[in-house]
C-alpha atoms as a PDB file:
ATOM      1  CA  MET A   1     120.482  96.767 136.798  1.00  0.00           C
ATOM      2  CA  LYS A   2     124.009  96.832 136.592  1.00  0.00           C
ATOM      3  CA  LYS A   3     125.011  94.696 138.687  1.00  0.00           C
ATOM      4  CA  ILE A   4     121.846  92.553 137.729  1.00  0.00           C
ATOM      5  CA  ILE A   5     123.193  92.025 134.047  1.00  0.00           C
ATOM      6  CA  ALA A   6     126.748  91.250 135.668  1.00  0.00           C
ATOM      7  CA  LEU A   7     124.666  88.447 138.378  1.00  0.00           C
ATOM      8  CA  ALA A   8     122.818  87.290 135.505  1.00  0.00           C
ATOM      9  CA  LEU A   9     125.685  86.626 133.341  1.00  0.00           C
ATOM     10  CA  LEU A  10     126.954  84.391 136.326  1.00  0.00           C
ATOM     11  CA  ALA A  11     123.826  82.621 136.808  1.00  0.00           C
ATOM     12  CA  LEU A  12     122.934  80.945 133.194  1.00  0.00           C
ATOM     13  CA  THR A  13     123.671  78.028 134.700  1.00  0.00           C
ATOM     14  CA  SER A  14     122.062  78.277 138.119  1.00  0.00           C
ATOM     15  CA  PRO A  15     118.798  76.366 138.853  1.00  0.00           C
ATOM     16  CA  LEU A  16     115.532  79.177 139.741  1.00  0.00           C
ATOM     17  CA  THR A  17     113.190  78.709 142.601  1.00  0.00           C
ATOM     18  CA  ALA A  18     111.674  76.053 142.520  1.00  0.00           C
ATOM     19  CA  HIS A  19     108.234  76.818 142.001  1.00  0.00           C
ATOM     20  CA  ALA A  20     108.533  79.125 138.898  1.00  0.00           C
ATOM     21  CA  ALA A  21     106.360  79.892 135.688  1.00  0.00           C
ATOM     22  CA  THR A  22     107.977  79.904 132.236  1.00  0.00           C
ATOM     23  CA  LEU A  23     106.042  81.841 130.186  1.00  0.00           C
ATOM     24  CA  THR A  24     106.131  82.267 127.173  1.00  0.00           C
ATOM     25  CA  PHE A  25     104.439  85.712 125.306  1.00  0.00           C
ATOM     26  CA  PRO A  26     102.845  87.502 123.998  1.00  0.00           C
ATOM     27  CA  SER A  27     100.771  84.593 123.634  1.00  0.00           C
ATOM     28  CA  ASP A  28      99.514  84.779 119.872  1.00  0.00           C
ATOM     29  CA  GLU A  29     102.794  84.946 118.466  1.00  0.00           C
ATOM     30  CA  PRO A  30     105.486  83.933 120.629  1.00  0.00           C
ATOM     31  CA  VAL A  31     108.748  85.705 120.384  1.00  0.00           C
ATOM     32  CA  ALA A  32     110.497  85.579 123.971  1.00  0.00           C
ATOM     33  CA  SER A  33     109.977  83.098 126.984  1.00  0.00           C
ATOM     34  CA  ILE A  34     111.110  84.353 130.897  1.00  0.00           C
ATOM     35  CA  THR A  35     110.567  82.375 133.780  1.00  0.00           C
ATOM     36  CA  ILE A  36     108.982  84.043 137.284  1.00  0.00           C
ATOM     37  CA  PRO A  37     109.199  82.812 140.643  1.00  0.00           C
ATOM     38  CA  ASP A  38     105.303  81.525 141.180  1.00  0.00           C
ATOM     39  CA  SER A  39     105.897  83.409 144.748  1.00  0.00           C
ATOM     40  CA  TRP A  40     105.974  86.934 141.969  1.00  0.00           C
ATOM     41  CA  LYS A  41     102.274  86.191 140.588  1.00  0.00           C
ATOM     42  CA  PRO A  42     103.236  86.359 137.092  1.00  0.00           C
ATOM     43  CA  GLU A  43     100.958  87.343 134.655  1.00  0.00           C
ATOM     44  CA  GLU A  44     100.420  87.459 130.757  1.00  0.00           C
ATOM     45  CA  ILE A  45      99.955  91.728 130.543  1.00  0.00           C
ATOM     46  CA  ASP A  46      99.248  93.166 126.563  1.00  0.00           C
ATOM     47  CA  GLY A  47     102.914  92.124 124.561  1.00  0.00           C
ATOM     48  CA  GLY A  48     104.022  90.695 127.502  1.00  0.00           C
ATOM     49  CA  VAL A  49     104.482  89.662 130.993  1.00  0.00           C
ATOM     50  CA  GLN A  50     104.428  91.356 134.629  1.00  0.00           C
ATOM     51  CA  GLY A  51     105.149  89.837 138.315  1.00  0.00           C
ATOM     52  CA  THR A  52     105.952  91.337 141.834  1.00  0.00           C
ATOM     53  CA  SER A  53     108.144  90.001 144.596  1.00  0.00           C
ATOM     54  CA  ALA A  54     105.408  88.463 147.488  1.00  0.00           C
ATOM     55  CA  ASP A  55     106.710  91.554 149.533  1.00  0.00           C
ATOM     56  CA  SER A  56     106.073  93.941 146.934  1.00  0.00           C
ATOM     57  CA  ALA A  57     109.506  95.378 147.049  1.00  0.00           C
ATOM     58  CA  VAL A  58     110.045  94.905 143.463  1.00  0.00           C
ATOM     59  CA  TYR A  59     108.299  95.101 140.267  1.00  0.00           C
ATOM     60  CA  LEU A  60     109.170  93.394 137.035  1.00  0.00           C
ATOM     61  CA  SER A  61     107.993  93.933 133.728  1.00  0.00           C
ATOM     62  CA  ALA A  62     108.764  92.390 129.900  1.00  0.00           C
ATOM     63  CA  GLU A  63     107.348  93.451 126.722  1.00  0.00           C
ATOM     64  CA  VAL A  64     107.969  92.705 123.330  1.00  0.00           C
ATOM     65  CA  ALA A  65     108.649  95.567 121.505  1.00  0.00           C
ATOM     66  CA  SER A  66     107.921  94.966 117.273  1.00  0.00           C
ATOM     67  CA  GLY A  67     109.411  97.205 114.983  1.00  0.00           C
ATOM     68  CA  LYS A  68     110.072 100.513 117.383  1.00  0.00           C
ATOM     69  CA  SER A  69     113.249 102.456 117.559  1.00  0.00           C
ATOM     70  CA  ILE A  70     115.010 102.095 120.647  1.00  0.00           C
ATOM     71  CA  GLU A  71     114.501 105.735 121.636  1.00  0.00           C
ATOM     72  CA  LYS A  72     110.781 105.038 121.334  1.00  0.00           C
ATOM     73  CA  VAL A  73     110.807 102.186 123.420  1.00  0.00           C
ATOM     74  CA  VAL A  74     111.950 103.640 126.349  1.00  0.00           C
ATOM     75  CA  THR A  75     109.887 106.716 125.683  1.00  0.00           C
ATOM     76  CA  GLY A  76     107.415 104.679 126.184  1.00  0.00           C
ATOM     77  CA  ALA A  77     108.894 102.884 129.380  1.00  0.00           C
ATOM     78  CA  ILE A  78     109.017 105.552 131.050  1.00  0.00           C
ATOM     79  CA  ASP A  79     105.451 106.705 130.099  1.00  0.00           C
ATOM     80  CA  PHE A  80     104.421 103.945 132.032  1.00  0.00           C
ATOM     81  CA  LEU A  81     106.825 104.305 134.938  1.00  0.00           C
ATOM     82  CA  ALA A  82     104.880 108.223 134.944  1.00  0.00           C
ATOM     83  CA  LYS A  83     101.494 106.419 134.550  1.00  0.00           C
ATOM     84  CA  ASN A  84     102.410 104.421 137.846  1.00  0.00           C
ATOM     85  CA  LYS A  85     103.693 107.303 139.740  1.00  0.00           C
ATOM     86  CA  VAL A  86     107.335 106.554 139.801  1.00  0.00           C
ATOM     87  CA  THR A  87     109.690 109.481 138.828  1.00  0.00           C
ATOM     88  CA  ILE A  88     112.794 109.065 138.054  1.00  0.00           C
ATOM     89  CA  ASP A  89     115.892 111.490 138.279  1.00  0.00           C
ATOM     90  CA  THR A  90     117.632 111.428 134.977  1.00  0.00           C
ATOM     91  CA  SER A  91     121.014 113.590 136.704  1.00  0.00           C
ATOM     92  CA  THR A  92     121.633 110.078 138.025  1.00  0.00           C
ATOM     93  CA  GLN A  93     121.212 107.748 134.578  1.00  0.00           C
ATOM     94  CA  LYS A  94     123.701 104.978 133.753  1.00  0.00           C
ATOM     95  CA  GLU A  95     124.601 103.136 130.844  1.00  0.00           C
ATOM     96  CA  THR A  96     125.737  99.864 130.892  1.00  0.00           C
ATOM     97  CA  PRO A  97     127.342  98.924 127.678  1.00  0.00           C
ATOM     98  CA  ALA A  98     125.451  95.509 125.415  1.00  0.00           C
ATOM     99  CA  THR A  99     126.338  92.321 126.788  1.00  0.00           C
ATOM    100  CA  ASP A 100     125.977  88.666 125.472  1.00  0.00           C
ATOM    101  CA  VAL A 101     123.316  87.023 127.817  1.00  0.00           C
ATOM    102  CA  ASN A 102     121.391  83.809 126.155  1.00  0.00           C
ATOM    103  CA  GLY A 103     122.895  84.485 122.356  1.00  0.00           C
ATOM    104  CA  MET A 104     121.006  88.125 122.975  1.00  0.00           C
ATOM    105  CA  GLN A 105     122.598  91.530 123.358  1.00  0.00           C
ATOM    106  CA  MET A 106     121.278  92.993 126.602  1.00  0.00           C
ATOM    107  CA  ALA A 107     122.138  96.439 127.814  1.00  0.00           C
ATOM    108  CA  THR A 108     120.740  98.807 130.776  1.00  0.00           C
ATOM    109  CA  LEU A 109     119.631 102.172 131.677  1.00  0.00           C
ATOM    110  CA  GLU A 110     119.010 102.628 135.342  1.00  0.00           C
ATOM    111  CA  TRP A 111     117.851 105.286 137.727  1.00  0.00           C
ATOM    112  CA  ASP A 112     117.381 107.169 141.155  1.00  0.00           C
ATOM    113  CA  GLY A 113     113.765 107.840 141.689  1.00  0.00           C
ATOM    114  CA  LYS A 114     111.143 107.602 144.115  1.00  0.00           C
ATOM    115  CA  ASP A 115     107.498 106.372 144.042  1.00  0.00           C
ATOM    116  CA  GLU A 116     104.480 106.371 146.550  1.00  0.00           C
ATOM    117  CA  ASN A 117     106.299 104.571 149.047  1.00  0.00           C
ATOM    118  CA  GLY A 118     109.706 106.694 148.687  1.00  0.00           C
ATOM    119  CA  PRO A 119     113.335 105.989 147.353  1.00  0.00           C
ATOM    120  CA  ILE A 120     113.908 103.220 144.599  1.00  0.00           C
ATOM    121  CA  SER A 121     115.634 102.311 141.882  1.00  0.00           C
ATOM    122  CA  VAL A 122     114.822 101.884 138.094  1.00  0.00           C
ATOM    123  CA  GLY A 123     116.277 100.102 135.086  1.00  0.00           C
ATOM    124  CA  LEU A 124     115.169  99.492 131.691  1.00  0.00           C
ATOM    125  CA  LEU A 125     116.617  96.372 130.200  1.00  0.00           C
ATOM    126  CA  ILE A 126     116.809  95.864 126.640  1.00  0.00           C
ATOM    127  CA  ALA A 127     117.338  93.024 124.500  1.00  0.00           C
ATOM    128  CA  GLN A 128     117.455  92.725 121.172  1.00  0.00           C
ATOM    129  CA  LEU A 129     115.474  89.472 120.343  1.00  0.00           C
ATOM    130  CA  SER A 130     116.004  89.141 116.798  1.00  0.00           C
ATOM    131  CA  ALA A 131     116.094  91.806 113.620  1.00  0.00           C
ATOM    132  CA  ASP A 132     112.630  92.770 114.231  1.00  0.00           C
ATOM    133  CA  ASN A 133     111.871  92.419 117.999  1.00  0.00           C
ATOM    134  CA  ALA A 134     113.096  93.335 121.359  1.00  0.00           C
ATOM    135  CA  LEU A 135     112.546  93.588 125.208  1.00  0.00           C
ATOM    136  CA  VAL A 136     112.088  95.728 127.395  1.00  0.00           C
ATOM    137  CA  VAL A 137     112.631  94.986 130.675  1.00  0.00           C
ATOM    138  CA  THR A 138     111.002  97.342 133.092  1.00  0.00           C
ATOM    139  CA  TYR A 139     112.054  97.433 136.573  1.00  0.00           C
ATOM    140  CA  TRP A 140     111.688  99.111 140.102  1.00  0.00           C
ATOM    141  CA  GLY A 141     112.501  98.230 143.408  1.00  0.00           C
ATOM    142  CA  ASP A 142     112.611  99.577 146.941  1.00  0.00           C
ATOM    143  CA  LYS A 143     116.197 101.258 147.811  1.00  0.00           C
ATOM    144  CA  GLY A 144     117.337  99.066 150.761  1.00  0.00           C
ATOM    145  CA  GLU A 145     114.797  96.326 150.123  1.00  0.00           C
ATOM    146  CA  GLU A 146     115.623  95.270 146.998  1.00  0.00           C
ATOM    147  CA  ASP A 147     118.639  93.822 147.408  1.00  0.00           C
ATOM    148  CA  LYS A 148     116.797  90.894 149.307  1.00  0.00           C
ATOM    149  CA  HIS A 149     115.932  90.035 145.452  1.00  0.00           C
ATOM    150  CA  ASP A 150     118.711  90.077 143.844  1.00  0.00           C
ATOM    151  CA  ALA A 151     118.741  86.260 143.333  1.00  0.00           C
ATOM    152  CA  GLU A 152     115.140  85.990 141.682  1.00  0.00           C
ATOM    153  CA  VAL A 153     116.231  88.828 139.425  1.00  0.00           C
ATOM    154  CA  LYS A 154     119.093  87.872 138.222  1.00  0.00           C
ATOM    155  CA  ALA A 155     117.715  84.050 137.946  1.00  0.00           C
ATOM    156  CA  ILE A 156     115.022  86.233 135.806  1.00  0.00           C
ATOM    157  CA  VAL A 157     117.157  88.055 133.548  1.00  0.00           C
ATOM    158  CA  ALA A 158     119.030  84.850 133.066  1.00  0.00           C
ATOM    159  CA  SER A 159     116.028  83.231 131.787  1.00  0.00           C
ATOM    160  CA  ILE A 160     114.933  85.472 129.195  1.00  0.00           C
ATOM    161  CA  LYS A 161     115.570  83.129 125.856  1.00  0.00           C
ATOM    162  CA  PRO A 162     114.064  84.056 122.134  1.00  0.00           C
ATOM    163  CA  VAL A 163     111.672  81.628 121.126  1.00  0.00           C
ATOM    164  CA  GLU A 164     112.691  79.462 118.012  1.00  0.00           C
END
């Protein structure tokens, strides 16, 4: 994820995939928007959106965390990963300091891990949307395959914006 944030900063003015959906979420009271390529089959979930690359090598979800502490947000995201049979190697944790993207502070945590298909990269990106809302982007991708999607992922991250 560290390289994803760095790449996203470089891609802020880059065009996204020609066919992409811009989603605002949650739909009842939108606080953020994100653009995900149509080939990722973006869909709304409770409090956010998700998508998976066409080859299923990368999964990404973005959910709004309202009024929760960062510790609770991270714990909830790790619980979500466990429910999806993703394990992380906590000894590999890397943290990227907060960086400004689209007027929001974004920071990442990343780990090595595994899922049903083998070794993966796992990341959490936390973006401060406002004083009351944070956005948690959960990401995991197959080792060796996720690099094929760097351009798409950096464009997705760079597209995240608070809704005014």
